[in-house]
C-alpha atoms as a PDB file:
ATOM      1  CA  MET A   1    -238.811-253.516   4.772  1.00  0.00           C
ATOM      2  CA  MET A   2    -242.255-252.195   5.594  1.00  0.00           C
ATOM      3  CA  TYR A   3    -241.229-249.181   7.681  1.00  0.00           C
ATOM      4  CA  PRO A   4    -240.968-246.705   4.779  1.00  0.00           C
ATOM      5  CA  LEU A   5    -244.507-247.700   3.781  1.00  0.00           C
ATOM      6  CA  VAL A   6    -245.739-247.066   7.323  1.00  0.00           C
ATOM      7  CA  ARG A   7    -244.072-243.652   7.279  1.00  0.00           C
ATOM      8  CA  GLU A   8    -245.646-242.735   3.925  1.00  0.00           C
ATOM      9  CA  LEU A   9    -249.105-243.781   5.100  1.00  0.00           C
ATOM     10  CA  ALA A  10    -248.650-241.815   8.343  1.00  0.00           C
ATOM     11  CA  GLU A  11    -247.797-238.717   6.301  1.00  0.00           C
ATOM     12  CA  ASP A  12    -251.052-239.245   4.378  1.00  0.00           C
ATOM     13  CA  GLY A  13    -253.035-239.339   7.625  1.00  0.00           C
ATOM     14  CA  VAL A  14    -253.350-243.075   8.306  1.00  0.00           C
ATOM     15  CA  PRO A  15    -252.624-243.790  11.999  1.00  0.00           C
ATOM     16  CA  VAL A  16    -249.441-245.753  12.637  1.00  0.00           C
ATOM     17  CA  THR A  17    -251.328-248.044  15.024  1.00  0.00           C
ATOM     18  CA  VAL A  18    -253.786-249.066  12.327  1.00  0.00           C
ATOM     19  CA  THR A  19    -251.099-249.552   9.687  1.00  0.00           C
ATOM     20  CA  CYS A  20    -248.966-251.698  11.972  1.00  0.00           C
ATOM     21  CA  ARG A  21    -251.968-253.805  12.933  1.00  0.00           C
ATOM     22  CA  VAL A  22    -252.907-254.417   9.289  1.00  0.00           C
ATOM     23  CA  LEU A  23    -249.318-255.220   8.281  1.00  0.00           C
ATOM     24  CA  LYS A  24    -248.859-257.352  11.419  1.00  0.00           C
ATOM     25  CA  ILE A  25    -245.730-255.568  12.573  1.00  0.00           C
ATOM     26  CA  ALA A  26    -244.916-254.144  15.994  1.00  0.00           C
ATOM     27  CA  ARG A  27    -244.956-250.395  16.551  1.00  0.00           C
ATOM     28  CA  GLN A  28    -241.892-250.178  18.786  1.00  0.00           C
ATOM     29  CA  PRO A  29    -239.393-251.342  16.127  1.00  0.00           C
ATOM     30  CA  TYR A  30    -240.994-248.891  13.686  1.00  0.00           C
ATOM     31  CA  TYR A  31    -240.462-245.974  16.048  1.00  0.00           C
ATOM     32  CA  ARG A  32    -236.909-247.185  16.747  1.00  0.00           C
ATOM     33  CA  TRP A  33    -236.268-247.250  12.983  1.00  0.00           C
ATOM     34  CA  LEU A  34    -237.879-243.824  12.605  1.00  0.00           C
ATOM     35  CA  ALA A  35    -235.456-242.380  15.136  1.00  0.00           C
ATOM     36  CA  ASN A  36    -232.483-243.947  13.317  1.00  0.00           C
ATOM     37  CA  PRO A  37    -233.430-244.959   9.752  1.00  0.00           C
ATOM     38  CA  ILE A  38    -231.168-247.091   7.620  1.00  0.00           C
ATOM     39  CA  THR A  39    -229.451-244.949   5.025  1.00  0.00           C
ATOM     40  CA  ASP A  40    -229.120-245.797   1.345  1.00  0.00           C
ATOM     41  CA  ALA A  41    -225.375-246.322   1.829  1.00  0.00           C
ATOM     42  CA  GLU A  42    -226.062-249.084   4.364  1.00  0.00           C
ATOM     43  CA  TYR A  43    -228.165-250.985   1.824  1.00  0.00           C
END
């Protein structure tokens, strides 16, 4: 899953828009995941 990477890069100052474009993923599912992340227990 790429969403934790997007979150880490955003914390370092890289815009989410740019990261999602480079990784070729949509922003909306990322923000949906950010609002309700999958916990370690669910893995």
